[in-house]
């Protein structure tokens, strides 16, 4: 039994707003026994199945996610980032695969043929990003989080994608699940640093809620949400431009 399985069960316990005492009561065990199981991360298979039943999770799903769980995001080799930066369609397909978008949806939405989609999959396989199985299914070689280099070949395009996302949200305000806000205020640097810490905490909360939902619910019940935030002291000369006015008496646009 993978030790991370117990960490995932703890997440499920937290998501259900249950304590060790609650779980012990449901299993007719003492609270110290439950604490010992989770601290030692070891118990009989039959007991583990009972815990999963109470938490309404499937043991095979827990084990699968435990084996795929990682503590830190993976950084792709620089040559792989360069290949994805060179072929934008390939990068887009990789993102869709990571977000578990079905092949049927991709084929219909992007007007691709099966052969074209297979060709993209083969390119990803040559980059060691996926494995194409005998039945044609595509399996991610690294299903965990990925972190792209801040100064890498993909970063300029990632900035462009984030600007596209912001434009999509700003032109879709009023629709369900769309929200945008912006604010500019004068404050002390310490106050600005406090806001930055709270944004970092919000980022961590998003990751935690996503882990819980992916554990407790089927993929068909989930949607992909994106959080893009920018916070910093304004460098006015980089944001605002002022053109010198024409001399008095000279008409604007005159030759």
C-alpha atoms as a PDB file:
ATOM      1  CA  UNK A   1       0.000   0.000   0.000  1.00  0.00           C
ATOM      2  CA  UNK A   2       1.482   3.342  -1.071  1.00  0.00           C
ATOM      3  CA  UNK A   3       2.097   5.599   1.942  1.00  0.00           C
ATOM      4  CA  UNK A   4       0.608   8.553   0.066  1.00  0.00           C
ATOM      5  CA  UNK A   5      -2.728   6.708   0.059  1.00  0.00           C
ATOM      6  CA  UNK A   6      -3.222   7.659   3.689  1.00  0.00           C
ATOM      7  CA  UNK A   7      -2.503  11.309   2.901  1.00  0.00           C
ATOM      8  CA  UNK A   8      -5.207  11.156   0.238  1.00  0.00           C
ATOM      9  CA  UNK A   9      -7.609   9.523   2.709  1.00  0.00           C
ATOM     10  CA  UNK A  10      -6.841  12.350   5.136  1.00  0.00           C
ATOM     11  CA  UNK A  11      -7.784  14.829   2.403  1.00  0.00           C
ATOM     12  CA  UNK A  12     -11.042  12.937   1.875  1.00  0.00           C
ATOM     13  CA  UNK A  13     -11.680  13.022   5.623  1.00  0.00           C
ATOM     14  CA  UNK A  14     -11.148  16.780   5.659  1.00  0.00           C
ATOM     15  CA  UNK A  15     -13.357  17.273   2.601  1.00  0.00           C
ATOM     16  CA  UNK A  16     -16.165  15.415   4.395  1.00  0.00           C
ATOM     17  CA  UNK A  17     -15.696  17.635   7.474  1.00  0.00           C
ATOM     18  CA  UNK A  18     -15.018  14.499   9.511  1.00  0.00           C
ATOM     19  CA  UNK A  19     -12.595  14.053  12.399  1.00  0.00           C
ATOM     20  CA  UNK A  20     -10.699  10.962  13.502  1.00  0.00           C
ATOM     21  CA  UNK A  21     -13.303  10.639  16.251  1.00  0.00           C
ATOM     22  CA  UNK A  22     -16.122  10.657  13.674  1.00  0.00           C
ATOM     23  CA  UNK A  23     -14.390   7.976  11.621  1.00  0.00           C
ATOM     24  CA  UNK A  24     -13.705   5.874  14.724  1.00  0.00           C
ATOM     25  CA  UNK A  25     -17.377   6.031  15.694  1.00  0.00           C
ATOM     26  CA  UNK A  26     -18.507   4.944  12.221  1.00  0.00           C
ATOM     27  CA  UNK A  27     -16.095   1.985  12.299  1.00  0.00           C
ATOM     28  CA  UNK A  28     -16.813   1.101  15.937  1.00  0.00           C
ATOM     29  CA  UNK A  29     -13.160   1.652  16.841  1.00  0.00           C
ATOM     30  CA  UNK A  30     -11.372   3.869  19.334  1.00  0.00           C
ATOM     31  CA  UNK A  31     -10.021   7.233  18.247  1.00  0.00           C
ATOM     32  CA  UNK A  32      -6.433   6.253  19.251  1.00  0.00           C
ATOM     33  CA  UNK A  33      -6.711   3.247  16.915  1.00  0.00           C
ATOM     34  CA  UNK A  34      -7.651   5.481  13.988  1.00  0.00           C
ATOM     35  CA  UNK A  35      -4.866   7.920  14.832  1.00  0.00           C
ATOM     36  CA  UNK A  36      -2.383   5.042  14.951  1.00  0.00           C
ATOM     37  CA  UNK A  37      -3.517   3.759  11.536  1.00  0.00           C
ATOM     38  CA  UNK A  38      -2.967   7.158   9.935  1.00  0.00           C
ATOM     39  CA  UNK A  39       0.277   7.931  11.764  1.00  0.00           C
ATOM     40  CA  UNK A  40       1.827   4.544  10.963  1.00  0.00           C
ATOM     41  CA  UNK A  41       0.198   4.543   7.510  1.00  0.00           C
ATOM     42  CA  UNK A  42      -0.447   0.850   7.715  1.00  0.00           C
ATOM     43  CA  UNK A  43      -3.440  -1.414   8.315  1.00  0.00           C
ATOM     44  CA  UNK A  44      -5.129  -4.551   7.017  1.00  0.00           C
ATOM     45  CA  UNK A  45      -6.709  -4.409   3.579  1.00  0.00           C
ATOM     46  CA  UNK A  46     -10.127  -5.173   5.057  1.00  0.00           C
ATOM     47  CA  UNK A  47      -9.822  -2.185   7.405  1.00  0.00           C
ATOM     48  CA  UNK A  48      -8.707   0.027   4.552  1.00  0.00           C
ATOM     49  CA  UNK A  49     -11.761  -0.986   2.541  1.00  0.00           C
ATOM     50  CA  UNK A  50     -13.982  -0.106   5.504  1.00  0.00           C
ATOM     51  CA  UNK A  51     -12.394   3.353   5.720  1.00  0.00           C
ATOM     52  CA  UNK A  52     -12.941   3.880   1.995  1.00  0.00           C
ATOM     53  CA  UNK A  53     -16.586   2.834   2.338  1.00  0.00           C
ATOM     54  CA  UNK A  54     -17.175   5.389   5.087  1.00  0.00           C
ATOM     55  CA  UNK A  55     -15.476   8.125   3.053  1.00  0.00           C
ATOM     56  CA  UNK A  56     -17.323   7.042  -0.109  1.00  0.00           C
ATOM     57  CA  UNK A  57     -14.164   6.685  -2.183  1.00  0.00           C
ATOM     58  CA  UNK A  58     -12.916   3.816  -4.314  1.00  0.00           C
ATOM     59  CA  UNK A  59      -9.731   2.155  -3.040  1.00  0.00           C
ATOM     60  CA  UNK A  60      -8.347   1.629  -6.539  1.00  0.00           C
ATOM     61  CA  UNK A  61      -8.787   5.357  -7.255  1.00  0.00           C
ATOM     62  CA  UNK A  62      -7.019   6.234  -4.011  1.00  0.00           C
ATOM     63  CA  UNK A  63      -4.083   3.949  -4.835  1.00  0.00           C
ATOM     64  CA  UNK A  64      -3.881   5.249  -8.400  1.00  0.00           C
ATOM     65  CA  UNK A  65      -3.812   8.877  -7.278  1.00  0.00           C
ATOM     66  CA  UNK A  66      -1.291   8.068  -4.549  1.00  0.00           C
ATOM     67  CA  UNK A  67       1.081   6.533  -7.062  1.00  0.00           C
ATOM     68  CA  UNK A  68       0.733   9.593  -9.288  1.00  0.00           C
ATOM     69  CA  UNK A  69       0.954  12.183  -6.521  1.00  0.00           C
ATOM     70  CA  UNK A  70       4.062  14.321  -6.276  1.00  0.00           C
ATOM     71  CA  UNK A  71       5.303  16.884  -3.792  1.00  0.00           C
ATOM     72  CA  UNK A  72       6.815  19.258  -6.336  1.00  0.00           C
ATOM     73  CA  UNK A  73       5.919  20.080  -9.949  1.00  0.00           C
ATOM     74  CA  UNK A  74       7.990  18.626 -12.748  1.00  0.00           C
ATOM     75  CA  UNK A  75      10.134  20.866 -14.939  1.00  0.00           C
ATOM     76  CA  UNK A  76      10.260  19.562 -18.493  1.00  0.00           C
ATOM     77  CA  UNK A  77      13.611  19.274 -20.289  1.00  0.00           C
ATOM     78  CA  UNK A  78      14.503  22.509 -22.053  1.00  0.00           C
ATOM     79  CA  UNK A  79      14.446  20.802 -25.465  1.00  0.00           C
ATOM     80  CA  UNK A  80      10.884  19.595 -24.815  1.00  0.00           C
ATOM     81  CA  UNK A  81       9.757  23.117 -23.914  1.00  0.00           C
ATOM     82  CA  UNK A  82      11.426  24.351 -27.106  1.00  0.00           C
ATOM     83  CA  UNK A  83       9.587  21.742 -29.210  1.00  0.00           C
ATOM     84  CA  UNK A  84       6.232  22.713 -27.666  1.00  0.00           C
ATOM     85  CA  UNK A  85       6.987  26.404 -28.200  1.00  0.00           C
ATOM     86  CA  UNK A  86       7.742  25.719 -31.861  1.00  0.00           C
ATOM     87  CA  UNK A  87       4.526  23.733 -32.449  1.00  0.00           C
ATOM     88  CA  UNK A  88       1.648  25.613 -30.804  1.00  0.00           C
ATOM     89  CA  UNK A  89      -0.976  23.031 -31.848  1.00  0.00           C
ATOM     90  CA  UNK A  90       1.080  20.325 -30.166  1.00  0.00           C
ATOM     91  CA  UNK A  91       1.281  22.405 -26.980  1.00  0.00           C
ATOM     92  CA  UNK A  92      -2.475  23.023 -27.066  1.00  0.00           C
ATOM     93  CA  UNK A  93      -3.183  19.305 -27.478  1.00  0.00           C
ATOM     94  CA  UNK A  94      -0.917  18.525 -24.523  1.00  0.00           C
ATOM     95  CA  UNK A  95      -2.812  21.038 -22.362  1.00  0.00           C
ATOM     96  CA  UNK A  96      -6.146  19.486 -23.372  1.00  0.00           C
ATOM     97  CA  UNK A  97      -4.880  16.006 -22.514  1.00  0.00           C
ATOM     98  CA  UNK A  98      -3.693  17.183 -19.111  1.00  0.00           C
ATOM     99  CA  UNK A  99      -7.113  18.726 -18.475  1.00  0.00           C
ATOM    100  CA  UNK A 100      -8.773  15.402 -19.390  1.00  0.00           C
ATOM    101  CA  UNK A 101     -10.665  16.797 -22.377  1.00  0.00           C
ATOM    102  CA  UNK A 102     -12.070  13.825 -24.280  1.00  0.00           C
ATOM    103  CA  UNK A 103     -10.857  12.868 -27.740  1.00  0.00           C
ATOM    104  CA  UNK A 104     -14.437  13.168 -29.006  1.00  0.00           C
ATOM    105  CA  UNK A 105     -14.646  16.771 -27.814  1.00  0.00           C
ATOM    106  CA  UNK A 106     -11.268  17.658 -29.341  1.00  0.00           C
ATOM    107  CA  UNK A 107     -12.165  16.065 -32.681  1.00  0.00           C
ATOM    108  CA  UNK A 108     -15.467  17.915 -32.863  1.00  0.00           C
ATOM    109  CA  UNK A 109     -14.417  21.302 -31.495  1.00  0.00           C
ATOM    110  CA  UNK A 110     -11.188  21.589 -33.495  1.00  0.00           C
ATOM    111  CA  UNK A 111     -12.437  19.874 -36.663  1.00  0.00           C
ATOM    112  CA  UNK A 112      -9.643  17.294 -36.661  1.00  0.00           C
ATOM    113  CA  UNK A 113      -9.601  13.801 -38.121  1.00  0.00           C
ATOM    114  CA  UNK A 114      -8.632  10.694 -36.168  1.00  0.00           C
ATOM    115  CA  UNK A 115      -5.417  10.470 -38.201  1.00  0.00           C
ATOM    116  CA  UNK A 116      -4.497  14.082 -37.431  1.00  0.00           C
ATOM    117  CA  UNK A 117      -5.113  13.579 -33.725  1.00  0.00           C
ATOM    118  CA  UNK A 118      -3.063  10.375 -33.790  1.00  0.00           C
ATOM    119  CA  UNK A 119      -0.208  12.245 -35.494  1.00  0.00           C
ATOM    120  CA  UNK A 120      -0.197  14.814 -32.687  1.00  0.00           C
ATOM    121  CA  UNK A 121      -0.154  11.996 -30.144  1.00  0.00           C
ATOM    122  CA  UNK A 122       2.833  10.403 -31.881  1.00  0.00           C
ATOM    123  CA  UNK A 123       4.729  13.697 -31.687  1.00  0.00           C
ATOM    124  CA  UNK A 124       4.041  13.900 -27.946  1.00  0.00           C
ATOM    125  CA  UNK A 125       5.157  10.294 -27.530  1.00  0.00           C
ATOM    126  CA  UNK A 126       8.474  11.060 -29.250  1.00  0.00           C
ATOM    127  CA  UNK A 127       8.945  13.820 -26.660  1.00  0.00           C
ATOM    128  CA  UNK A 128       8.267  11.248 -23.886  1.00  0.00           C
ATOM    129  CA  UNK A 129       5.219  13.213 -22.744  1.00  0.00           C
ATOM    130  CA  UNK A 130       2.641  10.500 -23.441  1.00  0.00           C
ATOM    131  CA  UNK A 131       2.353   6.806 -24.186  1.00  0.00           C
ATOM    132  CA  UNK A 132       0.013   5.596 -26.929  1.00  0.00           C
ATOM    133  CA  UNK A 133      -1.402   2.221 -25.958  1.00  0.00           C
ATOM    134  CA  UNK A 134      -2.442  -0.593 -28.280  1.00  0.00           C
ATOM    135  CA  UNK A 135      -6.110   0.411 -28.046  1.00  0.00           C
ATOM    136  CA  UNK A 136      -5.205   3.932 -29.183  1.00  0.00           C
ATOM    137  CA  UNK A 137      -5.692   5.524 -25.768  1.00  0.00           C
ATOM    138  CA  UNK A 138      -3.200   8.195 -24.765  1.00  0.00           C
ATOM    139  CA  UNK A 139      -1.661   8.013 -21.286  1.00  0.00           C
ATOM    140  CA  UNK A 140       0.236  10.918 -19.773  1.00  0.00           C
ATOM    141  CA  UNK A 141       3.739   9.969 -18.680  1.00  0.00           C
ATOM    142  CA  UNK A 142       3.599  12.655 -15.978  1.00  0.00           C
ATOM    143  CA  UNK A 143       0.048  13.375 -14.745  1.00  0.00           C
ATOM    144  CA  UNK A 144       1.261  15.538 -11.858  1.00  0.00           C
ATOM    145  CA  UNK A 145       1.740  19.314 -11.928  1.00  0.00           C
ATOM    146  CA  UNK A 146       4.205  20.886 -14.348  1.00  0.00           C
ATOM    147  CA  UNK A 147       6.108  24.121 -13.898  1.00  0.00           C
ATOM    148  CA  UNK A 148       7.462  25.891 -16.961  1.00  0.00           C
ATOM    149  CA  UNK A 149      10.705  27.854 -16.757  1.00  0.00           C
ATOM    150  CA  UNK A 150      10.250  31.568 -16.104  1.00  0.00           C
ATOM    151  CA  UNK A 151      12.958  32.306 -18.677  1.00  0.00           C
ATOM    152  CA  UNK A 152      12.221  29.283 -20.880  1.00  0.00           C
ATOM    153  CA  UNK A 153      11.172  29.122 -24.535  1.00  0.00           C
ATOM    154  CA  UNK A 154       7.475  28.695 -23.652  1.00  0.00           C
ATOM    155  CA  UNK A 155       7.084  31.624 -21.274  1.00  0.00           C
ATOM    156  CA  UNK A 156       6.418  34.314 -23.896  1.00  0.00           C
ATOM    157  CA  UNK A 157       3.605  32.225 -25.349  1.00  0.00           C
ATOM    158  CA  UNK A 158       2.221  31.398 -21.900  1.00  0.00           C
ATOM    159  CA  UNK A 159       1.967  35.142 -21.256  1.00  0.00           C
ATOM    160  CA  UNK A 160       0.042  35.459 -24.517  1.00  0.00           C
ATOM    161  CA  UNK A 161      -2.319  32.645 -23.490  1.00  0.00           C
ATOM    162  CA  UNK A 162      -2.985  34.350 -20.162  1.00  0.00           C
ATOM    163  CA  UNK A 163      -3.826  37.595 -21.965  1.00  0.00           C
ATOM    164  CA  UNK A 164      -6.235  35.629 -24.182  1.00  0.00           C
ATOM    165  CA  UNK A 165      -7.827  34.152 -21.077  1.00  0.00           C
ATOM    166  CA  UNK A 166      -8.254  37.592 -19.504  1.00  0.00           C
ATOM    167  CA  UNK A 167      -9.831  38.884 -22.703  1.00  0.00           C
ATOM    168  CA  UNK A 168     -12.180  35.873 -22.790  1.00  0.00           C
ATOM    169  CA  UNK A 169     -13.328  36.528 -19.217  1.00  0.00           C
ATOM    170  CA  UNK A 170     -13.685  40.290 -19.681  1.00  0.00           C
ATOM    171  CA  UNK A 171     -15.857  39.793 -22.769  1.00  0.00           C
ATOM    172  CA  UNK A 172     -17.957  37.120 -21.019  1.00  0.00           C
ATOM    173  CA  UNK A 173     -18.843  38.987 -17.823  1.00  0.00           C
ATOM    174  CA  UNK A 174     -22.347  38.162 -16.688  1.00  0.00           C
ATOM    175  CA  UNK A 175     -22.037  34.543 -17.761  1.00  0.00           C
ATOM    176  CA  UNK A 176     -21.893  31.811 -15.147  1.00  0.00           C
ATOM    177  CA  UNK A 177     -18.456  31.136 -13.609  1.00  0.00           C
ATOM    178  CA  UNK A 178     -16.870  34.306 -15.058  1.00  0.00           C
ATOM    179  CA  UNK A 179     -15.436  36.995 -12.775  1.00  0.00           C
ATOM    180  CA  UNK A 180     -13.041  39.888 -13.267  1.00  0.00           C
ATOM    181  CA  UNK A 181     -11.991  42.753 -11.047  1.00  0.00           C
ATOM    182  CA  UNK A 182      -9.180  45.279 -10.976  1.00  0.00           C
ATOM    183  CA  UNK A 183      -8.148  47.849  -8.398  1.00  0.00           C
ATOM    184  CA  UNK A 184      -5.337  50.366  -7.947  1.00  0.00           C
ATOM    185  CA  UNK A 185      -4.684  51.858  -4.501  1.00  0.00           C
ATOM    186  CA  UNK A 186      -1.889  53.648  -2.681  1.00  0.00           C
ATOM    187  CA  UNK A 187      -0.609  51.756   0.366  1.00  0.00           C
ATOM    188  CA  UNK A 188       2.508  50.976   2.368  1.00  0.00           C
ATOM    189  CA  UNK A 189       4.892  48.331   0.958  1.00  0.00           C
ATOM    190  CA  UNK A 190       4.164  46.150   4.004  1.00  0.00           C
ATOM    191  CA  UNK A 191       0.452  46.217   3.167  1.00  0.00           C
ATOM    192  CA  UNK A 192       1.250  45.306  -0.424  1.00  0.00           C
ATOM    193  CA  UNK A 193       3.331  42.369   0.803  1.00  0.00           C
ATOM    194  CA  UNK A 194       0.401  41.214   2.961  1.00  0.00           C
ATOM    195  CA  UNK A 195      -1.896  41.164  -0.079  1.00  0.00           C
ATOM    196  CA  UNK A 196       0.722  39.172  -1.980  1.00  0.00           C
ATOM    197  CA  UNK A 197       0.844  36.572   0.807  1.00  0.00           C
ATOM    198  CA  UNK A 198      -2.950  36.294   0.750  1.00  0.00           C
ATOM    199  CA  UNK A 199      -2.895  35.740  -3.013  1.00  0.00           C
ATOM    200  CA  UNK A 200      -0.315  32.987  -2.516  1.00  0.00           C
ATOM    201  CA  UNK A 201      -2.594  31.428   0.119  1.00  0.00           C
ATOM    202  CA  UNK A 202      -5.522  31.608  -2.318  1.00  0.00           C
ATOM    203  CA  UNK A 203      -3.395  29.855  -4.937  1.00  0.00           C
ATOM    204  CA  UNK A 204      -2.654  27.083  -2.426  1.00  0.00           C
ATOM    205  CA  UNK A 205      -6.361  26.815  -1.540  1.00  0.00           C
ATOM    206  CA  UNK A 206      -7.268  26.385  -5.211  1.00  0.00           C
ATOM    207  CA  UNK A 207      -4.764  23.534  -5.497  1.00  0.00           C
ATOM    208  CA  UNK A 208      -6.087  21.889  -2.320  1.00  0.00           C
ATOM    209  CA  UNK A 209      -9.757  22.119  -3.350  1.00  0.00           C
ATOM    210  CA  UNK A 210      -8.864  20.727  -6.778  1.00  0.00           C
ATOM    211  CA  UNK A 211      -7.083  17.751  -5.185  1.00  0.00           C
ATOM    212  CA  UNK A 212     -10.099  17.048  -2.994  1.00  0.00           C
ATOM    213  CA  UNK A 213     -12.590  17.303  -5.857  1.00  0.00           C
ATOM    214  CA  UNK A 214     -10.485  15.081  -8.112  1.00  0.00           C
ATOM    215  CA  UNK A 215     -10.389  12.499  -5.343  1.00  0.00           C
ATOM    216  CA  UNK A 216     -14.068  12.553  -4.434  1.00  0.00           C
ATOM    217  CA  UNK A 217     -15.811  13.130  -7.763  1.00  0.00           C
ATOM    218  CA  UNK A 218     -15.794  11.591 -11.225  1.00  0.00           C
ATOM    219  CA  UNK A 219     -14.033  13.470 -14.027  1.00  0.00           C
ATOM    220  CA  UNK A 220     -17.400  13.986 -15.736  1.00  0.00           C
ATOM    221  CA  UNK A 221     -18.522  16.132 -12.768  1.00  0.00           C
ATOM    222  CA  UNK A 222     -15.513  18.460 -12.911  1.00  0.00           C
ATOM    223  CA  UNK A 223     -14.788  21.609 -14.918  1.00  0.00           C
ATOM    224  CA  UNK A 224     -11.435  23.256 -15.571  1.00  0.00           C
ATOM    225  CA  UNK A 225     -11.139  26.674 -13.936  1.00  0.00           C
ATOM    226  CA  UNK A 226      -8.207  29.034 -14.385  1.00  0.00           C
ATOM    227  CA  UNK A 227      -6.856  31.562 -11.891  1.00  0.00           C
ATOM    228  CA  UNK A 228      -4.645  34.328 -13.285  1.00  0.00           C
ATOM    229  CA  UNK A 229      -3.527  37.072 -10.915  1.00  0.00           C
ATOM    230  CA  UNK A 230      -1.131  39.985 -11.198  1.00  0.00           C
ATOM    231  CA  UNK A 231      -0.110  42.115  -8.234  1.00  0.00           C
ATOM    232  CA  UNK A 232       2.708  44.583  -7.972  1.00  0.00           C
ATOM    233  CA  UNK A 233       3.846  48.147  -7.578  1.00  0.00           C
ATOM    234  CA  UNK A 234       3.039  50.087 -10.740  1.00  0.00           C
ATOM    235  CA  UNK A 235       5.899  51.323 -12.904  1.00  0.00           C
ATOM    236  CA  UNK A 236       3.940  54.102 -14.552  1.00  0.00           C
ATOM    237  CA  UNK A 237       6.400  54.702 -17.386  1.00  0.00           C
ATOM    238  CA  UNK A 238       5.964  51.067 -18.493  1.00  0.00           C
ATOM    239  CA  UNK A 239       2.164  51.192 -18.375  1.00  0.00           C
ATOM    240  CA  UNK A 240       1.173  54.748 -19.270  1.00  0.00           C
ATOM    241  CA  UNK A 241       2.543  56.753 -22.190  1.00  0.00           C
ATOM    242  CA  UNK A 242       2.207  60.519 -22.653  1.00  0.00           C
ATOM    243  CA  UNK A 243       2.972  62.057 -26.019  1.00  0.00           C
ATOM    244  CA  UNK A 244       4.368  65.570 -26.102  1.00  0.00           C
ATOM    245  CA  UNK A 245       1.656  68.062 -27.110  1.00  0.00           C
ATOM    246  CA  UNK A 246       1.977  69.988 -30.339  1.00  0.00           C
ATOM    247  CA  UNK A 247       3.364  73.540 -30.067  1.00  0.00           C
ATOM    248  CA  UNK A 248       0.710  76.226 -29.692  1.00  0.00           C
ATOM    249  CA  UNK A 249      -0.827  77.209 -32.987  1.00  0.00           C
ATOM    250  CA  UNK A 250       0.238  74.001 -34.753  1.00  0.00           C
ATOM    251  CA  UNK A 251      -2.632  71.823 -35.887  1.00  0.00           C
ATOM    252  CA  UNK A 252      -2.635  68.176 -34.893  1.00  0.00           C
ATOM    253  CA  UNK A 253      -1.834  66.028 -37.909  1.00  0.00           C
ATOM    254  CA  UNK A 254      -0.540  68.941 -39.975  1.00  0.00           C
ATOM    255  CA  UNK A 255       2.395  68.070 -42.273  1.00  0.00           C
END
